[in-house]
N, C-alpha and C. Protein backbone atom coordinates (compact mmCIF):
# COMPACT_ATOMS: atom_id res chain seq x y z
N MET A 1 21.80 42.79 9.79
CA MET A 1 21.55 42.46 8.07
C MET A 1 22.63 42.47 7.72
N ARG A 2 24.21 42.32 7.50
CA ARG A 2 24.34 41.41 7.20
C ARG A 2 24.72 39.59 7.22
N LYS A 3 24.36 39.82 9.08
CA LYS A 3 23.93 38.28 9.57
C LYS A 3 23.41 37.70 8.83
N PHE A 4 22.12 38.20 8.96
CA PHE A 4 21.26 37.94 8.31
C PHE A 4 21.03 36.87 6.84
N LEU A 5 21.71 38.03 6.35
CA LEU A 5 22.39 37.94 4.96
C LEU A 5 23.12 36.54 4.41
N ALA A 6 23.80 36.55 5.20
CA ALA A 6 24.95 35.30 5.29
C ALA A 6 24.50 33.76 6.26
N LEU A 7 23.41 34.32 6.99
CA LEU A 7 22.66 33.24 7.97
C LEU A 7 21.80 33.05 6.51
N ALA A 8 20.98 32.89 5.40
CA ALA A 8 20.22 32.89 4.60
C ALA A 8 20.50 32.11 3.52
N ALA A 9 21.80 32.97 3.39
CA ALA A 9 22.98 32.67 1.72
C ALA A 9 23.67 31.46 2.14
N SER A 10 23.25 30.86 3.53
CA SER A 10 23.69 29.61 4.11
C SER A 10 23.19 27.97 3.84
N ILE A 11 21.97 28.78 4.80
CA ILE A 11 21.26 28.34 4.48
C ILE A 11 20.10 27.38 2.39
N THR A 12 20.50 28.34 2.46
CA THR A 12 20.02 29.12 0.20
C THR A 12 20.80 27.45 0.14
N VAL A 13 22.78 27.47 0.44
CA VAL A 13 23.43 26.60 -0.10
C VAL A 13 22.69 25.47 0.09
N LEU A 14 23.08 25.30 1.77
CA LEU A 14 22.74 23.60 2.48
C LEU A 14 21.70 23.14 1.98
N ALA A 15 20.12 23.18 1.43
CA ALA A 15 19.05 23.41 0.90
C ALA A 15 19.32 22.66 -0.39
N ALA A 16 20.14 23.52 -1.62
CA ALA A 16 20.28 22.99 -2.70
C ALA A 16 21.54 21.78 -2.36
N CYS A 17 22.60 22.06 -1.14
CA CYS A 17 23.28 20.32 -1.16
C CYS A 17 22.66 18.72 -0.78
N GLU A 18 21.56 19.59 0.06
CA GLU A 18 21.09 18.00 0.17
C GLU A 18 19.78 16.88 -1.01
N PRO A 19 20.29 16.03 -0.37
CA PRO A 19 19.76 14.66 -1.85
C PRO A 19 18.75 14.56 -1.36
N PRO A 20 17.77 14.86 -2.93
CA PRO A 20 16.24 14.88 -2.55
C PRO A 20 15.40 13.13 -2.05
N ARG A 21 14.39 13.09 -1.49
CA ARG A 21 14.60 12.47 -0.37
C ARG A 21 13.93 11.03 -1.62
N THR A 22 14.22 10.18 -1.29
CA THR A 22 13.68 9.23 -1.92
C THR A 22 13.10 7.52 -1.09
N VAL A 23 12.69 6.41 -1.54
CA VAL A 23 11.62 6.27 -0.92
C VAL A 23 12.77 4.43 -1.48
N LYS A 24 13.25 3.51 -0.81
CA LYS A 24 13.11 2.27 -0.93
C LYS A 24 12.51 1.77 -1.67
N ALA A 25 12.74 0.94 -2.86
CA ALA A 25 12.07 -0.19 -3.46
C ALA A 25 12.50 -1.41 -4.24
N LEU A 26 12.11 -2.37 -4.42
CA LEU A 26 12.68 -3.72 -5.82
C LEU A 26 12.06 -3.65 -6.57
N ARG A 27 12.95 -3.22 -7.13
CA ARG A 27 12.77 -3.60 -9.61
C ARG A 27 13.26 -4.90 -9.50
N TYR A 28 12.94 -5.72 -10.27
CA TYR A 28 12.47 -6.98 -10.53
C TYR A 28 11.89 -7.45 -12.11
N SER A 29 12.24 -8.19 -12.83
CA SER A 29 11.04 -9.40 -13.75
C SER A 29 10.46 -10.40 -13.84
N ILE A 30 9.02 -9.65 -14.59
CA ILE A 30 7.86 -10.61 -14.64
C ILE A 30 8.04 -11.38 -16.24
N VAL A 31 6.78 -11.74 -16.20
CA VAL A 31 6.10 -11.45 -17.39
C VAL A 31 4.48 -10.99 -17.62
N TYR A 32 4.22 -10.32 -18.79
CA TYR A 32 3.08 -9.49 -18.50
C TYR A 32 2.52 -10.36 -19.11
N ALA A 33 0.61 -10.41 -19.90
CA ALA A 33 0.39 -10.95 -20.00
C ALA A 33 -1.42 -10.87 -20.08
N GLU A 34 -2.04 -10.63 -21.82
CA GLU A 34 -3.04 -9.87 -21.49
C GLU A 34 -4.15 -10.68 -20.59
N SER A 35 -3.53 -12.10 -20.69
CA SER A 35 -4.35 -13.23 -19.80
C SER A 35 -4.57 -14.05 -19.54
N SER A 36 -4.95 -14.70 -18.75
CA SER A 36 -3.90 -16.02 -17.57
C SER A 36 -3.88 -17.56 -18.51
N LEU A 37 -5.12 -17.72 -20.13
CA LEU A 37 -5.18 -18.12 -21.07
C LEU A 37 -3.63 -17.72 -22.02
N GLY A 38 -3.80 -17.10 -22.19
CA GLY A 38 -2.52 -16.65 -22.77
C GLY A 38 -0.96 -16.81 -22.26
N LEU A 39 -1.53 -16.32 -21.20
CA LEU A 39 0.06 -16.77 -20.33
C LEU A 39 0.78 -18.10 -20.26
N ALA A 40 -0.22 -19.02 -20.23
CA ALA A 40 -0.38 -20.51 -20.04
C ALA A 40 -0.15 -21.07 -21.26
N HIS A 41 0.04 -20.68 -22.37
CA HIS A 41 0.16 -20.80 -23.77
C HIS A 41 1.16 -19.98 -24.03
N GLY A 42 1.64 -19.52 -23.92
CA GLY A 42 2.93 -19.07 -24.01
C GLY A 42 3.47 -18.19 -24.26
N GLU A 43 2.15 -17.14 -24.42
CA GLU A 43 2.53 -15.91 -24.56
C GLU A 43 2.93 -14.71 -23.16
N GLY A 44 3.12 -13.28 -23.65
CA GLY A 44 3.20 -12.05 -22.91
C GLY A 44 4.96 -11.72 -23.28
N GLN A 45 5.24 -10.82 -22.29
CA GLN A 45 6.56 -10.37 -22.41
C GLN A 45 6.90 -9.89 -21.38
N TRP A 46 8.59 -9.81 -21.51
CA TRP A 46 9.10 -10.13 -20.29
C TRP A 46 8.85 -8.01 -19.84
N VAL A 47 8.82 -8.12 -18.34
CA VAL A 47 8.97 -6.48 -17.89
C VAL A 47 8.55 -6.48 -16.85
N GLN A 48 9.92 -4.80 -16.11
CA GLN A 48 10.12 -4.38 -15.03
C GLN A 48 9.62 -4.25 -14.28
N GLU A 49 8.90 -5.04 -13.03
CA GLU A 49 8.19 -4.20 -12.01
C GLU A 49 9.32 -3.95 -10.52
N ILE A 50 8.36 -3.14 -9.65
CA ILE A 50 9.06 -2.25 -9.11
C ILE A 50 7.93 -2.34 -7.49
N PHE A 51 8.43 -2.89 -6.23
CA PHE A 51 7.49 -3.32 -5.59
C PHE A 51 8.57 -1.92 -4.74
N PHE A 52 7.28 -1.36 -3.51
CA PHE A 52 7.65 -0.96 -2.71
C PHE A 52 6.81 -1.39 -1.39
N PRO A 53 7.61 -1.77 -1.09
CA PRO A 53 7.47 -2.86 0.71
C PRO A 53 6.48 -1.46 1.36
N ASP A 54 7.35 -0.47 1.96
CA ASP A 54 6.79 0.56 3.12
C ASP A 54 5.63 0.77 2.36
N LEU A 55 5.10 0.88 1.75
CA LEU A 55 3.79 1.78 0.66
C LEU A 55 2.48 0.46 -0.08
N LYS A 56 3.26 -0.55 0.13
CA LYS A 56 2.75 -1.80 -0.10
C LYS A 56 1.57 -1.44 -1.65
N VAL A 57 2.43 -1.11 -2.89
CA VAL A 57 2.95 -0.72 -3.57
C VAL A 57 3.27 -1.92 -3.94
N ALA A 58 3.13 -1.87 -5.38
CA ALA A 58 3.81 -2.30 -6.67
C ALA A 58 3.16 -1.91 -8.43
N CYS A 59 4.40 -1.47 -9.27
CA CYS A 59 4.37 -1.08 -10.41
C CYS A 59 4.72 -2.03 -11.54
N MET A 60 3.97 -1.51 -12.78
CA MET A 60 5.30 -2.74 -14.35
C MET A 60 4.52 -1.20 -14.51
N LEU A 61 6.46 -1.53 -15.69
CA LEU A 61 5.89 -0.70 -16.93
C LEU A 61 5.64 -2.06 -18.39
N VAL A 62 5.21 -0.83 -19.44
CA VAL A 62 4.48 -1.77 -20.09
C VAL A 62 4.23 -0.81 -21.32
N TYR A 63 5.25 -2.10 -22.27
CA TYR A 63 5.03 -0.84 -24.17
C TYR A 63 4.24 -1.56 -24.51
N GLU A 64 3.35 -0.81 -24.91
CA GLU A 64 2.19 -1.06 -25.67
C GLU A 64 1.72 -0.21 -27.25
N TYR A 65 0.98 -1.08 -28.11
CA TYR A 65 0.74 -0.03 -28.63
C TYR A 65 -0.38 1.02 -28.93
N ARG A 66 -0.39 2.21 -29.23
CA ARG A 66 -1.25 3.07 -29.09
C ARG A 66 -1.29 4.23 -30.65
N GLU A 67 -2.37 4.62 -31.19
CA GLU A 67 -1.94 5.69 -32.12
C GLU A 67 -1.31 6.63 -31.87
N LEU A 68 -0.50 7.19 -32.18
CA LEU A 68 -0.37 8.41 -31.40
C LEU A 68 -0.70 9.70 -33.22
N MET A 69 -0.61 10.95 -32.44
CA MET A 69 -0.80 12.06 -33.44
C MET A 69 -0.50 11.21 -33.91
N GLY A 70 0.93 11.24 -34.76
CA GLY A 70 1.93 11.75 -36.68
C GLY A 70 2.15 10.00 -36.75
N GLY A 71 1.60 9.25 -36.03
CA GLY A 71 2.45 7.91 -36.44
C GLY A 71 0.99 6.65 -35.44
N LYS A 72 2.05 5.50 -35.78
CA LYS A 72 1.70 4.25 -35.36
C LYS A 72 2.64 3.97 -34.37
N GLY A 73 2.69 3.62 -32.97
CA GLY A 73 3.89 3.11 -32.72
C GLY A 73 3.49 2.73 -30.95
N THR A 74 4.49 2.14 -30.10
CA THR A 74 4.04 2.14 -28.43
C THR A 74 4.35 2.85 -27.67
N GLU A 75 4.41 2.97 -27.07
CA GLU A 75 4.59 4.04 -25.69
C GLU A 75 4.61 3.35 -24.62
N PRO A 76 5.29 4.49 -23.55
CA PRO A 76 5.65 3.23 -21.94
C PRO A 76 3.98 3.65 -21.03
N ARG A 77 3.70 2.42 -20.99
CA ARG A 77 2.23 2.79 -19.82
C ARG A 77 2.21 1.65 -18.53
N LEU A 78 2.34 2.60 -18.04
CA LEU A 78 2.28 1.83 -16.12
C LEU A 78 1.41 1.90 -15.38
N TYR A 79 1.02 0.35 -15.37
CA TYR A 79 -0.10 -0.28 -14.42
C TYR A 79 0.85 -0.03 -12.81
N ALA A 80 -0.64 0.42 -12.18
CA ALA A 80 0.11 0.44 -10.61
C ALA A 80 -0.69 -0.14 -9.35
N PHE A 81 -0.46 -0.40 -8.65
CA PHE A 81 -2.09 -1.05 -7.89
C PHE A 81 -1.49 -1.37 -6.38
N GLU A 82 -2.44 -2.09 -5.64
CA GLU A 82 -1.93 -1.76 -3.88
C GLU A 82 -1.49 -3.87 -3.79
N ALA A 83 -0.12 -4.36 -3.38
CA ALA A 83 0.19 -5.41 -3.58
C ALA A 83 0.80 -5.36 -1.99
N ASP A 84 1.15 -6.68 -1.55
CA ASP A 84 1.47 -7.22 0.16
C ASP A 84 2.96 -7.34 -0.62
N ARG A 85 3.47 -8.27 -1.11
CA ARG A 85 4.56 -8.95 -1.72
C ARG A 85 4.88 -8.17 -3.00
N LEU A 86 6.36 -8.49 -2.93
CA LEU A 86 6.49 -9.05 -4.66
C LEU A 86 6.84 -9.79 -5.58
N ARG A 87 6.27 -10.60 -6.12
CA ARG A 87 6.05 -10.77 -7.34
C ARG A 87 7.13 -11.82 -8.37
N ASN A 88 8.24 -12.31 -7.83
CA ASN A 88 9.46 -12.32 -8.14
C ASN A 88 9.88 -13.60 -8.85
N ASP A 89 9.23 -14.50 -8.02
CA ASP A 89 8.97 -16.30 -8.11
C ASP A 89 8.22 -16.25 -9.23
N LEU A 90 8.32 -16.99 -10.03
CA LEU A 90 8.34 -17.50 -12.01
C LEU A 90 8.59 -18.53 -11.67
N THR A 91 8.43 -19.75 -10.94
CA THR A 91 9.06 -20.83 -10.82
C THR A 91 8.17 -21.67 -11.36
N GLY A 92 6.88 -21.41 -11.64
CA GLY A 92 5.62 -22.17 -11.75
C GLY A 92 5.53 -22.12 -13.39
N LEU A 93 6.50 -21.02 -13.50
CA LEU A 93 5.70 -20.44 -14.87
C LEU A 93 7.15 -21.51 -16.25
N HIS A 94 6.25 -22.19 -16.93
CA HIS A 94 7.67 -22.94 -17.93
C HIS A 94 9.34 -23.00 -17.47
N GLY A 95 8.84 -23.21 -15.83
CA GLY A 95 10.34 -23.74 -14.98
C GLY A 95 11.33 -22.56 -15.99
N ALA A 96 10.60 -21.44 -15.11
CA ALA A 96 11.51 -20.42 -14.87
C ALA A 96 11.68 -20.16 -13.38
N LYS A 97 12.51 -20.05 -13.24
CA LYS A 97 13.17 -19.46 -11.73
C LYS A 97 13.54 -18.00 -10.99
N PRO A 98 13.50 -18.43 -9.80
CA PRO A 98 12.86 -16.69 -9.81
C PRO A 98 13.77 -15.64 -10.54
N SER A 99 13.31 -13.87 -10.40
CA SER A 99 14.46 -13.12 -11.47
C SER A 99 15.19 -12.68 -9.78
N ALA A 100 15.89 -12.05 -10.38
CA ALA A 100 17.26 -10.93 -9.69
C ALA A 100 16.15 -10.88 -8.66
N ILE A 101 16.72 -9.67 -7.94
CA ILE A 101 16.07 -8.57 -7.07
C ILE A 101 17.33 -6.97 -7.11
N GLU A 102 17.31 -5.65 -7.04
CA GLU A 102 17.74 -4.70 -7.17
C GLU A 102 16.90 -3.92 -6.47
N GLU A 103 17.29 -3.20 -5.19
CA GLU A 103 17.02 -2.37 -5.19
C GLU A 103 17.75 -0.64 -4.92
N ILE A 104 16.28 -0.64 -5.53
CA ILE A 104 16.87 0.99 -6.16
C ILE A 104 15.67 2.01 -5.01
N GLU A 105 16.93 3.78 -5.26
CA GLU A 105 15.85 4.60 -4.07
C GLU A 105 14.70 5.09 -5.46
N VAL A 106 13.94 5.23 -5.27
CA VAL A 106 12.49 6.43 -5.52
C VAL A 106 12.56 8.02 -4.85
N PRO A 107 12.28 9.11 -6.14
CA PRO A 107 12.21 9.91 -5.55
C PRO A 107 10.92 10.39 -4.66
N VAL A 108 10.62 10.79 -3.58
CA VAL A 108 9.64 10.09 -2.52
C VAL A 108 7.96 11.37 -3.38
N ALA A 109 8.07 11.82 -4.59
CA ALA A 109 7.04 12.55 -5.08
C ALA A 109 6.15 11.60 -5.41
N LEU A 110 7.76 11.34 -6.85
CA LEU A 110 7.15 9.52 -7.19
C LEU A 110 6.44 8.47 -6.69
N ALA A 111 6.97 8.36 -6.22
CA ALA A 111 6.71 6.98 -5.06
C ALA A 111 5.22 7.19 -5.00
N GLU A 112 5.09 8.37 -4.63
CA GLU A 112 3.79 9.39 -3.84
C GLU A 112 2.42 8.97 -5.22
N GLU A 113 3.06 9.46 -6.15
CA GLU A 113 2.03 9.82 -7.45
C GLU A 113 1.59 8.57 -7.72
N ILE A 114 2.25 7.10 -7.71
CA ILE A 114 3.01 6.01 -8.03
C ILE A 114 1.06 4.89 -6.82
N ARG A 115 1.43 5.89 -5.12
CA ARG A 115 0.51 4.92 -5.02
C ARG A 115 -0.51 5.24 -5.41
N LYS A 116 -0.73 7.15 -5.48
CA LYS A 116 -1.94 7.57 -5.13
C LYS A 116 -2.43 6.32 -7.07
N LEU A 117 -2.45 6.34 -8.18
CA LEU A 117 -2.61 5.46 -9.47
C LEU A 117 -3.34 4.51 -8.66
N ALA A 118 -2.44 3.54 -8.05
CA ALA A 118 -2.56 2.22 -7.12
C ALA A 118 -4.05 2.74 -6.45
N GLU A 119 -3.45 3.17 -5.73
CA GLU A 119 -5.30 3.91 -5.08
C GLU A 119 -6.51 4.03 -6.34
N LEU A 120 -5.89 4.99 -6.73
CA LEU A 120 -7.25 5.30 -7.31
C LEU A 120 -8.06 3.61 -8.80
N ASN A 121 -6.73 3.18 -9.03
CA ASN A 121 -7.17 1.93 -9.23
C ASN A 121 -8.33 0.61 -9.11
N THR A 122 -7.87 0.35 -7.27
CA THR A 122 -8.45 -0.20 -6.50
C THR A 122 -9.85 0.62 -6.31
N GLN A 123 -10.00 1.39 -6.07
CA GLN A 123 -11.59 2.34 -6.58
C GLN A 123 -12.38 2.57 -7.31
N ARG A 124 -11.50 2.38 -8.88
CA ARG A 124 -12.19 2.27 -9.84
C ARG A 124 -12.96 0.52 -10.45
N GLU A 125 -11.96 -0.39 -9.54
CA GLU A 125 -11.68 -2.29 -9.39
C GLU A 125 -13.51 -2.44 -8.48
N ARG A 126 -13.50 -1.68 -7.51
CA ARG A 126 -14.73 -1.18 -6.10
C ARG A 126 -15.99 -0.72 -7.22
N GLU A 127 -15.43 -0.14 -8.04
CA GLU A 127 -16.94 0.78 -8.56
C GLU A 127 -17.35 -0.27 -9.50
N THR A 128 -16.78 -0.50 -10.60
CA THR A 128 -16.72 -1.54 -11.78
C THR A 128 -18.04 -2.71 -11.66
N TRP A 129 -17.72 -2.80 -9.75
CA TRP A 129 -18.63 -4.37 -9.36
C TRP A 129 -19.81 -3.32 -8.64
N ARG A 130 -19.52 -2.46 -7.92
CA ARG A 130 -21.04 -2.11 -7.43
C ARG A 130 -21.47 -1.31 -8.88
N LEU A 131 -20.78 -0.16 -9.55
CA LEU A 131 -22.15 -0.18 -10.46
C LEU A 131 -22.12 -1.27 -11.27
N GLY A 132 -21.94 -2.22 -11.65
CA GLY A 132 -22.70 -3.08 -12.72
C GLY A 132 -23.46 -4.13 -11.92
N GLN A 133 -23.69 -4.25 -10.27
CA GLN A 133 -24.42 -4.52 -10.26
C GLN A 133 -25.83 -3.74 -9.79
N GLU A 134 -25.60 -2.35 -9.54
CA GLU A 134 -27.27 -1.71 -9.41
C GLU A 134 -27.14 -1.06 -11.05
N VAL A 135 -26.56 -1.35 -12.52
CA VAL A 135 -27.40 -1.52 -13.44
C VAL A 135 -27.46 -2.52 -13.55
N ALA A 136 -26.63 -4.11 -13.52
CA ALA A 136 -28.03 -4.76 -13.62
C ALA A 136 -29.11 -5.45 -13.24
N GLY A 137 -29.41 -4.58 -12.19
CA GLY A 137 -30.74 -4.83 -11.22
C GLY A 137 -31.86 -4.08 -11.46
N LYS A 138 -30.90 -2.67 -11.99
CA LYS A 138 -32.67 -1.57 -12.33
C LYS A 138 -32.44 -1.49 -13.57
N LEU A 139 -31.56 -1.96 -15.03
CA LEU A 139 -31.89 -1.53 -15.74
C LEU A 139 -31.92 -2.37 -17.58
N MET A 140 -31.66 -3.76 -16.33
CA MET A 140 -31.33 -4.46 -17.43
C MET A 140 -32.15 -5.22 -17.38
N LYS A 141 -32.54 -5.85 -18.41
CA LYS A 141 -33.46 -6.62 -18.33
C LYS A 141 -33.10 -8.52 -19.91
N LYS A 142 -33.66 -8.55 -19.48
CA LYS A 142 -33.69 -10.20 -21.14
C LYS A 142 -34.12 -9.45 -22.01
N LEU A 143 -33.93 -9.61 -23.20
CA LEU A 143 -34.28 -9.27 -24.71
C LEU A 143 -34.91 -10.71 -25.46
N PRO A 144 -35.28 -10.08 -25.98
CA PRO A 144 -35.64 -11.48 -27.51
C PRO A 144 -34.21 -11.33 -27.67
N GLN A 145 -34.43 -12.62 -28.41
CA GLN A 145 -32.97 -13.18 -29.11
C GLN A 145 -33.58 -13.81 -30.97
N GLU A 146 -33.19 -13.24 -31.18
CA GLU A 146 -33.85 -13.29 -33.57
C GLU A 146 -32.38 -14.22 -33.26
N GLY A 147 -32.25 -14.32 -34.44
CA GLY A 147 -31.43 -15.02 -35.97
C GLY A 147 -31.00 -16.29 -35.07
N ASP A 148 -30.08 -16.18 -35.67
CA ASP A 148 -29.01 -17.64 -35.09
C ASP A 148 -27.83 -17.58 -34.57
N GLY A 149 -27.50 -15.71 -33.50
CA GLY A 149 -26.33 -15.97 -33.11
C GLY A 149 -26.26 -16.56 -31.31
N PRO A 150 -25.89 -15.13 -30.41
CA PRO A 150 -25.18 -16.42 -29.36
C PRO A 150 -26.53 -16.59 -28.96
N ARG A 151 -26.50 -17.89 -27.88
CA ARG A 151 -27.48 -17.59 -26.89
C ARG A 151 -27.42 -17.79 -25.66
């Protein structure tokens, strides 16, 4: 029994000392804008993006305005998406040079959650087009226009 307890204690200590498992990722800066037209007119903000080469996923953290319960302000919002490569080459953007790249370690559990979010976003995007076709074909029709509004 003593040997068993000693072995169990050793395993517990070793497990506690084991560093958390991580995934390698690349962090760099990009310019984020609401639209390509806004980007062409110099709008946008510098944000950090993280690319996971092994997962073929990237994410960016953007601080966006959001009404909070106790007031108004900005909060961090994560955008995750499937990606084949990092997007740090900004040479076509107002003379900008490629962003510096930093290799980082991300806990496996967090990287997996980001991958799942990217998959959900891809699925959501596909569904908006599929359902758009179905609704356009079955539920929508041309309505008579009144007044001088847009045609």
